[in-house]
Each structure stands twice: as structure tokens, then as C-alpha cells.
Amino acid sequence: MEDTGERHILNGNFNNTSELYIHLMHIATYEYAKSFVKNKKVLDFGCGSGYGTKMLSEHAESVTGVDISKEAVDFAKENYTSSNLKFKTIPEISNETFDIITSFQVIEHVPNDNRYVDDLKKLLNPGGYLLISTPDKTNRLFNHIQQPWNIFHLKEYTAGNLKHLLQKHFSKVEVLKIGSEADFVLDEINRTKKQKIITLPCTLSIYPYSLRVFLLKLLKSLFELKKKWKPSAKKVITGNNSTDHFVFRYSHTDIIIEKEMQYSTDLLAICIKE
């Protein structure tokens, strides 16, 4: 399966603490979800490469991972197996219902977020839980004037935006923040702040989707051309800058999931169907 950066694939290769943070944030979100799934019938909607679905299967009665991409589903089937685990494309769900639904890093990709939430609610049994994660746009975008600089994202949310959307469909909604202490998370936050400034001319809110995508692809091409022609300095990794140092310094337990925190990169919403 092609690694576009949007479907997280476990490969153990991290060039910096920002990449390691993103990886551990994904792992920690599924670890958090494990506490909801014991002896439950679970749907992982937008399962991607399937690593998180496999994590949930360690505690759940049964888990079904579904994705819009047949390539992703085939990859998951090949790499993750268990007696209580299966992978399907989204149209293959049919009329099944579930006790718990997880849908991590998906809502930012869908063209109609109200329909997406409503469709997931229909798949949920009464008393069931829906868990949704998505980037926190607070540090990623200039509010009101900027669209996502991630070319795959159609919309991004603040905690307030996300809660307002979900409360149209669920009476019980809690939105938590995902982050870490400054020494670990600030590289990722600074990266996204830099991205929002660099890409602002390409991502103004007045632009139609096609123009935004065209300008972002053009900007990427210009940066790649500049990188090609600019001689790269020889990188010497020593001491505290060594790969081994930052990789072994942190684990998924360094990711914090709480209602309020100073340094947040993502959001986790928990909805209950009455």
C-alpha cells in the first residue's frame, strides 16, 4: 500500500520527534479506546492499514475494520489476523449494528460531516459509544480565513466546532484534547504553525476546492524543485540529537488525553447513543 502520509503505517522509521509524536498519538488514541471495547462488538470505521483495529481486537468480543479503500482493506487482511477480527470495504457492512464505533482521523476527509455522523449513529446500538478523533485546528489554521493546508482534508475543527456538530445528533457529547508536555509536542506544533503561514496564500477561505488543491500542489512542486537544486548540508547526528535518543525517550504513555491542556494537536470526541 502506498504510504501517502494519510493512512498511518507502522514501520518504525522516524526522522525527528514530530514524526515520532504523530505515531505515538495514533497509538495512544487506540490505547485509550481499549477501555471502551471489552467484550463488545466493535466497528473501526476508516481503519486504514488496520494496526489500530488489531489493537482493539485484543480486548473486544469482535472487531470489524472497514475502509473506503480496497487497497487498505487488502493490506490490513494481509498484515493483521485474529479469530475475532475481520476487514471489509464500507459497502460490505450491510445492516450490522455495533456496541462501539471508533472513527479516528476520518471526519476531516468527508464531504458531508452531518451525514457521516448520522450514518455512524444508525450503525450504533442503543447505549453504544461513538469515538471520533480529528486534528485540532487551533494551531494549524488561521480561523475564518484559511482552509486546510493538508491536501486530503476538506475541513478541520476546533473543540467547539466539533462539539456543536456532534450535539446535533447526540445529546451526550464530550470532547477531549490530545497532546503532550512541551518537550515532546512543541516540534509538531511549531511544524504546523509554520505550515499555516507558508500555505496561507494557497488556502484562503474564498478559494474553491479545485483552486486550493492546484495551488498546494504547485507550492509543493516549487519546494521540491528548490530542494533538488540546493545542495544539502551533511547531517551529523550526535549526542542528544541522535535517532536512538528521541525514539527511546518517549512512548505512547507520554501522550495526554484530557479535557483541557496547554499543548493540544488533536481532538477526541465521545458520544453516547441513548
C-alpha atoms as a PDB file:
ATOM      1  CA  MET A   1       0.000   0.000   0.000  1.00  0.00           C
ATOM      2  CA  GLU A   2       1.370   3.401  -0.962  1.00  0.00           C
ATOM      3  CA  ASP A   3       2.378   5.498   2.051  1.00  0.00           C
ATOM      4  CA  THR A   4       0.780   8.896   1.338  1.00  0.00           C
ATOM      5  CA  GLY A   5       1.106  10.026   4.929  1.00  0.00           C
ATOM      6  CA  GLU A   6      -2.660   9.924   5.474  1.00  0.00           C
ATOM      7  CA  ARG A   7      -3.006   6.243   6.379  1.00  0.00           C
ATOM      8  CA  HIS A   8      -0.689   5.528   9.266  1.00  0.00           C
ATOM      9  CA  ILE A   9       1.533   2.516   8.564  1.00  0.00           C
ATOM     10  CA  LEU A  10       3.717   1.025  11.275  1.00  0.00           C
ATOM     11  CA  ASN A  11       7.290   0.996  10.007  1.00  0.00           C
ATOM     12  CA  GLY A  12       9.398   2.224  12.940  1.00  0.00           C
ATOM     13  CA  ASN A  13      11.171   4.910  10.893  1.00  0.00           C
ATOM     14  CA  PHE A  14      11.185   8.395  12.427  1.00  0.00           C
ATOM     15  CA  ASN A  15      13.365  11.274  11.255  1.00  0.00           C
ATOM     16  CA  ASN A  16      12.509  13.620  14.119  1.00  0.00           C
ATOM     17  CA  THR A  17      10.415  13.997  17.270  1.00  0.00           C
ATOM     18  CA  SER A  18       7.500  15.413  15.262  1.00  0.00           C
ATOM     19  CA  GLU A  19       7.148  12.168  13.288  1.00  0.00           C
ATOM     20  CA  LEU A  20       7.522  10.119  16.473  1.00  0.00           C
ATOM     21  CA  TYR A  21       4.880  12.228  18.216  1.00  0.00           C
ATOM     22  CA  ILE A  22       2.368  11.668  15.382  1.00  0.00           C
ATOM     23  CA  HIS A  23       2.983   7.914  15.510  1.00  0.00           C
ATOM     24  CA  LEU A  24       2.570   7.701  19.287  1.00  0.00           C
ATOM     25  CA  MET A  25      -0.514   9.933  19.168  1.00  0.00           C
ATOM     26  CA  HIS A  26      -2.187   7.406  16.845  1.00  0.00           C
ATOM     27  CA  ILE A  27      -1.197   4.508  19.108  1.00  0.00           C
ATOM     28  CA  ALA A  28      -2.340   6.311  22.266  1.00  0.00           C
ATOM     29  CA  THR A  29      -5.765   7.069  20.789  1.00  0.00           C
ATOM     30  CA  TYR A  30      -6.406   3.374  20.176  1.00  0.00           C
ATOM     31  CA  GLU A  31      -4.975   2.508  23.603  1.00  0.00           C
ATOM     32  CA  TYR A  32      -7.476   4.936  25.124  1.00  0.00           C
ATOM     33  CA  ALA A  33     -10.298   3.307  23.147  1.00  0.00           C
ATOM     34  CA  LYS A  34      -9.426  -0.132  24.528  1.00  0.00           C
ATOM     35  CA  SER A  35     -11.113   0.771  27.819  1.00  0.00           C
ATOM     36  CA  PHE A  36     -14.457   1.031  25.988  1.00  0.00           C
ATOM     37  CA  VAL A  37     -14.382  -2.179  23.970  1.00  0.00           C
ATOM     38  CA  LYS A  38     -14.050  -5.059  26.446  1.00  0.00           C
ATOM     39  CA  ASN A  39     -16.461  -7.852  25.452  1.00  0.00           C
ATOM     40  CA  LYS A  40     -18.138  -5.519  22.920  1.00  0.00           C
ATOM     41  CA  LYS A  41     -18.930  -5.768  19.239  1.00  0.00           C
ATOM     42  CA  VAL A  42     -16.795  -3.031  17.660  1.00  0.00           C
ATOM     43  CA  LEU A  43     -16.622  -1.236  14.317  1.00  0.00           C
ATOM     44  CA  ASP A  44     -13.441   0.632  13.364  1.00  0.00           C
ATOM     45  CA  PHE A  45     -14.730   2.950  10.647  1.00  0.00           C
ATOM     46  CA  GLY A  46     -11.878   4.180   8.454  1.00  0.00           C
ATOM     47  CA  CYS A  47      -9.458   1.526   9.676  1.00  0.00           C
ATOM     48  CA  GLY A  48      -6.684   2.401   7.210  1.00  0.00           C
ATOM     49  CA  SER A  49      -3.787  -0.043   7.424  1.00  0.00           C
ATOM     50  CA  GLY A  50      -5.525  -1.974  10.230  1.00  0.00           C
ATOM     51  CA  TYR A  51      -2.981  -1.721  13.057  1.00  0.00           C
ATOM     52  CA  GLY A  52      -5.479   0.025  15.387  1.00  0.00           C
ATOM     53  CA  THR A  53      -8.262  -2.435  14.597  1.00  0.00           C
ATOM     54  CA  LYS A  54      -5.907  -5.236  15.613  1.00  0.00           C
ATOM     55  CA  MET A  55      -5.177  -3.410  18.893  1.00  0.00           C
ATOM     56  CA  LEU A  56      -8.905  -3.214  19.673  1.00  0.00           C
ATOM     57  CA  SER A  57      -9.347  -6.930  18.926  1.00  0.00           C
ATOM     58  CA  GLU A  58      -7.120  -7.747  21.912  1.00  0.00           C
ATOM     59  CA  HIS A  59      -9.960  -6.674  24.247  1.00  0.00           C
ATOM     60  CA  ALA A  60     -13.174  -6.772  22.210  1.00  0.00           C
ATOM     61  CA  GLU A  61     -15.552  -9.652  21.613  1.00  0.00           C
ATOM     62  CA  SER A  62     -15.325  -8.946  17.872  1.00  0.00           C
ATOM     63  CA  VAL A  63     -13.966  -6.141  15.710  1.00  0.00           C
ATOM     64  CA  THR A  64     -14.720  -5.222  12.115  1.00  0.00           C
ATOM     65  CA  GLY A  65     -12.412  -2.768  10.393  1.00  0.00           C
ATOM     66  CA  VAL A  66     -13.819  -1.006   7.332  1.00  0.00           C
ATOM     67  CA  ASP A  67     -12.313   1.463   4.888  1.00  0.00           C
ATOM     68  CA  ILE A  68     -13.302   3.153   1.644  1.00  0.00           C
ATOM     69  CA  SER A  69     -10.088   1.863   0.066  1.00  0.00           C
ATOM     70  CA  LYS A  70      -9.957  -1.766  -1.064  1.00  0.00           C
ATOM     71  CA  GLU A  71      -6.165  -1.432  -1.162  1.00  0.00           C
ATOM     72  CA  ALA A  72      -6.160  -0.539   2.555  1.00  0.00           C
ATOM     73  CA  VAL A  73      -8.522  -3.408   3.386  1.00  0.00           C
ATOM     74  CA  ASP A  74      -6.361  -5.888   1.476  1.00  0.00           C
ATOM     75  CA  PHE A  75      -3.248  -4.594   3.264  1.00  0.00           C
ATOM     76  CA  ALA A  76      -4.968  -4.971   6.657  1.00  0.00           C
ATOM     77  CA  LYS A  77      -6.122  -8.525   5.866  1.00  0.00           C
ATOM     78  CA  GLU A  78      -2.594  -9.492   4.884  1.00  0.00           C
ATOM     79  CA  ASN A  79      -0.871  -7.961   7.907  1.00  0.00           C
ATOM     80  CA  TYR A  80      -3.293  -8.350  10.837  1.00  0.00           C
ATOM     81  CA  THR A  81      -5.174 -11.523  11.701  1.00  0.00           C
ATOM     82  CA  SER A  82      -7.132 -12.793  14.688  1.00  0.00           C
ATOM     83  CA  SER A  83     -10.116 -15.093  15.237  1.00  0.00           C
ATOM     84  CA  ASN A  84     -12.308 -12.145  16.301  1.00  0.00           C
ATOM     85  CA  LEU A  85     -11.085  -9.722  13.617  1.00  0.00           C
ATOM     86  CA  LYS A  86     -12.269  -9.066  10.073  1.00  0.00           C
ATOM     87  CA  PHE A  87     -11.783  -6.351   7.478  1.00  0.00           C
ATOM     88  CA  LYS A  88     -14.264  -5.148   4.856  1.00  0.00           C
ATOM     89  CA  THR A  89     -14.877  -2.262   2.498  1.00  0.00           C
ATOM     90  CA  ILE A  90     -17.516   0.192   3.732  1.00  0.00           C
ATOM     91  CA  PRO A  91     -20.318  -1.019   1.379  1.00  0.00           C
ATOM     92  CA  GLU A  92     -19.912  -4.535   2.827  1.00  0.00           C
ATOM     93  CA  ILE A  93     -21.125  -3.502   6.308  1.00  0.00           C
ATOM     94  CA  SER A  94     -24.763  -4.072   5.229  1.00  0.00           C
ATOM     95  CA  ASN A  95     -27.269  -3.838   8.110  1.00  0.00           C
ATOM     96  CA  GLU A  96     -24.989  -4.743  11.017  1.00  0.00           C
ATOM     97  CA  THR A  97     -25.043  -2.704  14.228  1.00  0.00           C
ATOM     98  CA  PHE A  98     -22.341  -2.321  16.864  1.00  0.00           C
ATOM     99  CA  ASP A  99     -21.830  -1.548  20.548  1.00  0.00           C
ATOM    100  CA  ILE A 100     -18.794   0.674  19.980  1.00  0.00           C
ATOM    101  CA  ILE A 101     -17.710   2.586  16.885  1.00  0.00           C
ATOM    102  CA  THR A 102     -14.277   4.174  16.547  1.00  0.00           C
ATOM    103  CA  SER A 103     -13.546   6.506  13.655  1.00  0.00           C
ATOM    104  CA  PHE A 104     -10.133   8.091  14.013  1.00  0.00           C
ATOM    105  CA  GLN A 105      -8.764  10.763  11.677  1.00  0.00           C
ATOM    106  CA  VAL A 106     -11.675  10.358   9.242  1.00  0.00           C
ATOM    107  CA  ILE A 107     -14.179  13.198   9.684  1.00  0.00           C
ATOM    108  CA  GLU A 108     -11.789  15.781   8.215  1.00  0.00           C
ATOM    109  CA  HIS A 109     -11.918  13.853   4.914  1.00  0.00           C
ATOM    110  CA  VAL A 110     -15.687  13.575   4.412  1.00  0.00           C
ATOM    111  CA  PRO A 111     -17.619  15.998   2.177  1.00  0.00           C
ATOM    112  CA  ASN A 112     -20.760  15.981   4.376  1.00  0.00           C
ATOM    113  CA  ASP A 113     -19.922  15.734   8.063  1.00  0.00           C
ATOM    114  CA  ASN A 114     -23.567  15.752   9.226  1.00  0.00           C
ATOM    115  CA  ARG A 115     -24.383  12.784   7.012  1.00  0.00           C
ATOM    116  CA  TYR A 116     -21.230  10.992   8.167  1.00  0.00           C
ATOM    117  CA  VAL A 117     -22.199  11.347  11.845  1.00  0.00           C
ATOM    118  CA  ASP A 118     -25.802  10.386  11.143  1.00  0.00           C
ATOM    119  CA  ASP A 119     -24.726   7.268   9.231  1.00  0.00           C
ATOM    120  CA  LEU A 120     -22.472   6.176  12.101  1.00  0.00           C
ATOM    121  CA  LYS A 121     -25.258   6.760  14.614  1.00  0.00           C
ATOM    122  CA  LYS A 122     -27.514   4.394  12.636  1.00  0.00           C
ATOM    123  CA  LEU A 123     -24.860   1.677  12.958  1.00  0.00           C
ATOM    124  CA  LEU A 124     -24.717   2.103  16.744  1.00  0.00           C
ATOM    125  CA  ASN A 125     -26.798   0.092  19.207  1.00  0.00           C
ATOM    126  CA  PRO A 126     -28.757   1.969  21.908  1.00  0.00           C
ATOM    127  CA  GLY A 127     -26.404   2.808  24.759  1.00  0.00           C
ATOM    128  CA  GLY A 128     -23.440   2.486  22.413  1.00  0.00           C
ATOM    129  CA  TYR A 129     -20.432   4.775  22.176  1.00  0.00           C
ATOM    130  CA  LEU A 130     -19.038   6.604  19.154  1.00  0.00           C
ATOM    131  CA  LEU A 131     -15.413   7.798  19.412  1.00  0.00           C
ATOM    132  CA  ILE A 132     -14.153  10.266  16.808  1.00  0.00           C
ATOM    133  CA  SER A 133     -10.670  11.791  16.581  1.00  0.00           C
ATOM    134  CA  THR A 134      -9.526  14.588  14.295  1.00  0.00           C
ATOM    135  CA  PRO A 135      -6.806  17.275  14.189  1.00  0.00           C
ATOM    136  CA  ASP A 136      -7.330  20.312  16.420  1.00  0.00           C
ATOM    137  CA  LYS A 137      -7.179  23.233  14.019  1.00  0.00           C
ATOM    138  CA  THR A 138      -6.346  25.777  16.746  1.00  0.00           C
ATOM    139  CA  ASN A 139      -2.621  25.831  15.937  1.00  0.00           C
ATOM    140  CA  ARG A 140      -2.970  24.548  12.369  1.00  0.00           C
ATOM    141  CA  LEU A 141      -5.098  27.219  10.654  1.00  0.00           C
ATOM    142  CA  PHE A 142      -5.922  30.916  10.809  1.00  0.00           C
ATOM    143  CA  ASN A 143      -9.515  30.969  11.982  1.00  0.00           C
ATOM    144  CA  HIS A 144     -12.205  32.037   9.459  1.00  0.00           C
ATOM    145  CA  ILE A 145      -9.767  32.880   6.638  1.00  0.00           C
ATOM    146  CA  GLN A 146      -7.938  29.615   5.939  1.00  0.00           C
ATOM    147  CA  GLN A 147      -8.858  26.185   4.602  1.00  0.00           C
ATOM    148  CA  PRO A 148      -6.780  23.082   5.439  1.00  0.00           C
ATOM    149  CA  TRP A 149      -3.250  23.005   4.039  1.00  0.00           C
ATOM    150  CA  ASN A 150      -3.379  19.222   4.162  1.00  0.00           C
ATOM    151  CA  ILE A 151      -4.468  18.463   0.612  1.00  0.00           C
ATOM    152  CA  PHE A 152      -6.512  15.448   1.758  1.00  0.00           C
ATOM    153  CA  HIS A 153      -8.556  17.380   4.342  1.00  0.00           C
ATOM    154  CA  LEU A 154     -11.836  19.064   3.441  1.00  0.00           C
ATOM    155  CA  LYS A 155     -12.500  20.621   6.847  1.00  0.00           C
ATOM    156  CA  GLU A 156     -10.816  20.886  10.238  1.00  0.00           C
ATOM    157  CA  TYR A 157     -12.335  21.587  13.656  1.00  0.00           C
ATOM    158  CA  THR A 158     -11.812  23.319  16.959  1.00  0.00           C
ATOM    159  CA  ALA A 159     -13.163  21.616  20.076  1.00  0.00           C
ATOM    160  CA  GLY A 160     -16.163  23.966  19.976  1.00  0.00           C
ATOM    161  CA  ASN A 161     -16.869  23.332  16.268  1.00  0.00           C
ATOM    162  CA  LEU A 162     -16.737  19.575  16.740  1.00  0.00           C
ATOM    163  CA  LYS A 163     -18.956  19.562  19.821  1.00  0.00           C
ATOM    164  CA  HIS A 164     -21.541  21.781  18.100  1.00  0.00           C
ATOM    165  CA  LEU A 165     -21.687  19.383  15.139  1.00  0.00           C
ATOM    166  CA  LEU A 166     -21.994  16.240  17.261  1.00  0.00           C
ATOM    167  CA  GLN A 167     -24.651  17.706  19.562  1.00  0.00           C
ATOM    168  CA  LYS A 168     -26.969  17.903  16.554  1.00  0.00           C
ATOM    169  CA  HIS A 169     -27.007  14.096  16.609  1.00  0.00           C
ATOM    170  CA  PHE A 170     -26.211  13.078  20.206  1.00  0.00           C
ATOM    171  CA  SER A 171     -27.440  14.534  23.499  1.00  0.00           C
ATOM    172  CA  LYS A 172     -24.354  13.291  25.360  1.00  0.00           C
ATOM    173  CA  VAL A 173     -21.074  14.538  23.881  1.00  0.00           C
ATOM    174  CA  GLU A 174     -17.683  15.116  25.452  1.00  0.00           C
ATOM    175  CA  VAL A 175     -14.694  16.494  23.539  1.00  0.00           C
ATOM    176  CA  LEU A 176     -11.203  15.845  24.910  1.00  0.00           C
ATOM    177  CA  LYS A 177      -7.871  17.178  23.736  1.00  0.00           C
ATOM    178  CA  ILE A 178      -4.865  15.089  22.729  1.00  0.00           C
ATOM    179  CA  GLY A 179      -1.355  16.396  23.307  1.00  0.00           C
ATOM    180  CA  SER A 180       1.728  16.079  25.465  1.00  0.00           C
ATOM    181  CA  GLU A 181       4.209  18.028  27.538  1.00  0.00           C
ATOM    182  CA  ALA A 182       6.101  20.840  25.810  1.00  0.00           C
ATOM    183  CA  ASP A 183       9.404  18.987  25.421  1.00  0.00           C
ATOM    184  CA  PHE A 184       7.736  16.367  23.216  1.00  0.00           C
ATOM    185  CA  VAL A 185       4.866  18.098  21.416  1.00  0.00           C
ATOM    186  CA  LEU A 186       6.272  21.531  20.527  1.00  0.00           C
ATOM    187  CA  ASP A 187       8.195  20.321  17.466  1.00  0.00           C
ATOM    188  CA  GLU A 188       4.903  19.136  15.954  1.00  0.00           C
ATOM    189  CA  ILE A 189       3.017  22.300  16.958  1.00  0.00           C
ATOM    190  CA  ASN A 190       5.761  24.511  15.528  1.00  0.00           C
ATOM    191  CA  ARG A 191       5.741  22.469  12.313  1.00  0.00           C
ATOM    192  CA  THR A 192       2.010  23.025  11.839  1.00  0.00           C
ATOM    193  CA  LYS A 193       2.288  26.737  12.676  1.00  0.00           C
ATOM    194  CA  LYS A 194       4.969  27.081  10.017  1.00  0.00           C
ATOM    195  CA  GLN A 195       2.784  25.230   7.519  1.00  0.00           C
ATOM    196  CA  LYS A 196      -0.185  27.528   8.097  1.00  0.00           C
ATOM    197  CA  ILE A 197       1.937  30.620   7.383  1.00  0.00           C
ATOM    198  CA  ILE A 198       3.695  29.222   4.314  1.00  0.00           C
ATOM    199  CA  THR A 199       0.477  27.890   2.758  1.00  0.00           C
ATOM    200  CA  LEU A 200      -1.846  30.799   3.599  1.00  0.00           C
ATOM    201  CA  PRO A 201      -1.745  32.322   0.072  1.00  0.00           C
ATOM    202  CA  CYS A 202      -2.819  28.915  -1.302  1.00  0.00           C
ATOM    203  CA  THR A 203      -5.573  28.146   1.211  1.00  0.00           C
ATOM    204  CA  LEU A 204      -7.719  31.241   1.610  1.00  0.00           C
ATOM    205  CA  SER A 205     -11.335  30.501   2.515  1.00  0.00           C
ATOM    206  CA  ILE A 206     -12.634  32.220  -0.629  1.00  0.00           C
ATOM    207  CA  TYR A 207     -10.949  29.648  -2.899  1.00  0.00           C
ATOM    208  CA  PRO A 208     -12.953  26.762  -4.389  1.00  0.00           C
ATOM    209  CA  TYR A 209     -11.658  23.270  -3.653  1.00  0.00           C
ATOM    210  CA  SER A 210     -10.074  22.784  -7.077  1.00  0.00           C
ATOM    211  CA  LEU A 211      -8.069  26.022  -6.854  1.00  0.00           C
ATOM    212  CA  ARG A 212      -6.836  25.223  -3.339  1.00  0.00           C
ATOM    213  CA  VAL A 213      -5.639  21.778  -4.452  1.00  0.00           C
ATOM    214  CA  PHE A 214      -3.961  23.204  -7.571  1.00  0.00           C
ATOM    215  CA  LEU A 215      -2.109  25.894  -5.609  1.00  0.00           C
ATOM    216  CA  LEU A 216      -0.981  23.465  -2.899  1.00  0.00           C
ATOM    217  CA  LYS A 217       0.341  21.025  -5.496  1.00  0.00           C
ATOM    218  CA  LEU A 218       2.139  23.898  -7.236  1.00  0.00           C
ATOM    219  CA  LEU A 219       3.679  25.047  -3.952  1.00  0.00           C
ATOM    220  CA  LYS A 220       4.828  21.508  -3.194  1.00  0.00           C
ATOM    221  CA  SER A 221       6.430  21.245  -6.637  1.00  0.00           C
ATOM    222  CA  LEU A 222       8.300  24.515  -6.131  1.00  0.00           C
ATOM    223  CA  PHE A 223       9.654  23.352  -2.773  1.00  0.00           C
ATOM    224  CA  GLU A 224      10.722  20.017  -4.278  1.00  0.00           C
ATOM    225  CA  LEU A 225      12.473  21.852  -7.130  1.00  0.00           C
ATOM    226  CA  LYS A 226      14.249  24.145  -4.693  1.00  0.00           C
ATOM    227  CA  LYS A 227      15.318  21.166  -2.613  1.00  0.00           C
ATOM    228  CA  LYS A 228      16.623  19.400  -5.714  1.00  0.00           C
ATOM    229  CA  TRP A 229      18.838  22.280  -6.770  1.00  0.00           C
ATOM    230  CA  LYS A 230      20.004  23.407  -3.331  1.00  0.00           C
ATOM    231  CA  PRO A 231      22.961  21.376  -2.057  1.00  0.00           C
ATOM    232  CA  SER A 232      22.036  19.704   1.201  1.00  0.00           C
ATOM    233  CA  ALA A 233      24.308  20.119   4.177  1.00  0.00           C
ATOM    234  CA  LYS A 234      25.779  16.931   5.549  1.00  0.00           C
ATOM    235  CA  LYS A 235      23.784  15.988   8.612  1.00  0.00           C
ATOM    236  CA  VAL A 236      25.744  14.809  11.590  1.00  0.00           C
ATOM    237  CA  ILE A 237      23.658  13.092  14.287  1.00  0.00           C
ATOM    238  CA  THR A 238      25.372  13.032  17.647  1.00  0.00           C
ATOM    239  CA  GLY A 239      24.598  13.186  21.352  1.00  0.00           C
ATOM    240  CA  ASN A 240      21.085  14.285  22.256  1.00  0.00           C
ATOM    241  CA  ASN A 241      20.215  14.706  18.567  1.00  0.00           C
ATOM    242  CA  SER A 242      20.717  11.027  17.779  1.00  0.00           C
ATOM    243  CA  THR A 243      17.818   8.993  16.436  1.00  0.00           C
ATOM    244  CA  ASP A 244      18.157   6.467  19.245  1.00  0.00           C
ATOM    245  CA  HIS A 245      17.906   9.205  21.833  1.00  0.00           C
ATOM    246  CA  PHE A 246      14.480  10.569  20.898  1.00  0.00           C
ATOM    247  CA  VAL A 247      12.966   7.253  19.786  1.00  0.00           C
ATOM    248  CA  PHE A 248      13.656   5.544  23.079  1.00  0.00           C
ATOM    249  CA  ARG A 249      12.943   8.571  25.223  1.00  0.00           C
ATOM    250  CA  TYR A 250       9.176   8.590  24.581  1.00  0.00           C
ATOM    251  CA  SER A 251       6.306   6.104  24.462  1.00  0.00           C
ATOM    252  CA  HIS A 252       2.547   6.271  23.925  1.00  0.00           C
ATOM    253  CA  THR A 253       2.153   6.881  27.669  1.00  0.00           C
ATOM    254  CA  ASP A 254       3.633  10.362  27.114  1.00  0.00           C
ATOM    255  CA  ILE A 255       0.528  11.273  25.098  1.00  0.00           C
ATOM    256  CA  ILE A 256      -2.070  13.044  27.245  1.00  0.00           C
ATOM    257  CA  ILE A 257      -5.829  12.865  26.613  1.00  0.00           C
ATOM    258  CA  GLU A 258      -7.695  15.343  28.807  1.00  0.00           C
ATOM    259  CA  LYS A 259     -10.462  17.943  28.670  1.00  0.00           C
ATOM    260  CA  GLU A 260      -8.077  20.881  28.888  1.00  0.00           C
ATOM    261  CA  MET A 261      -4.364  21.177  28.220  1.00  0.00           C
ATOM    262  CA  GLN A 262      -1.859  23.765  27.082  1.00  0.00           C
ATOM    263  CA  TYR A 263      -0.409  21.923  24.100  1.00  0.00           C
ATOM    264  CA  SER A 264      -3.051  20.146  22.011  1.00  0.00           C
ATOM    265  CA  THR A 265      -2.676  18.771  18.481  1.00  0.00           C
ATOM    266  CA  ASP A 266      -5.814  16.639  18.126  1.00  0.00           C
ATOM    267  CA  LEU A 267      -9.323  16.133  19.492  1.00  0.00           C
ATOM    268  CA  LEU A 268     -11.167  13.050  20.721  1.00  0.00           C
ATOM    269  CA  ALA A 269     -14.966  13.167  20.891  1.00  0.00           C
ATOM    270  CA  ILE A 270     -17.000  10.625  22.861  1.00  0.00           C
ATOM    271  CA  CYS A 271     -20.722  10.366  22.025  1.00  0.00           C
ATOM    272  CA  ILE A 272     -23.356   8.146  23.643  1.00  0.00           C
ATOM    273  CA  LYS A 273     -26.481   6.982  21.815  1.00  0.00           C
ATOM    274  CA  GLU A 274     -29.480   6.994  24.163  1.00  0.00           C
END
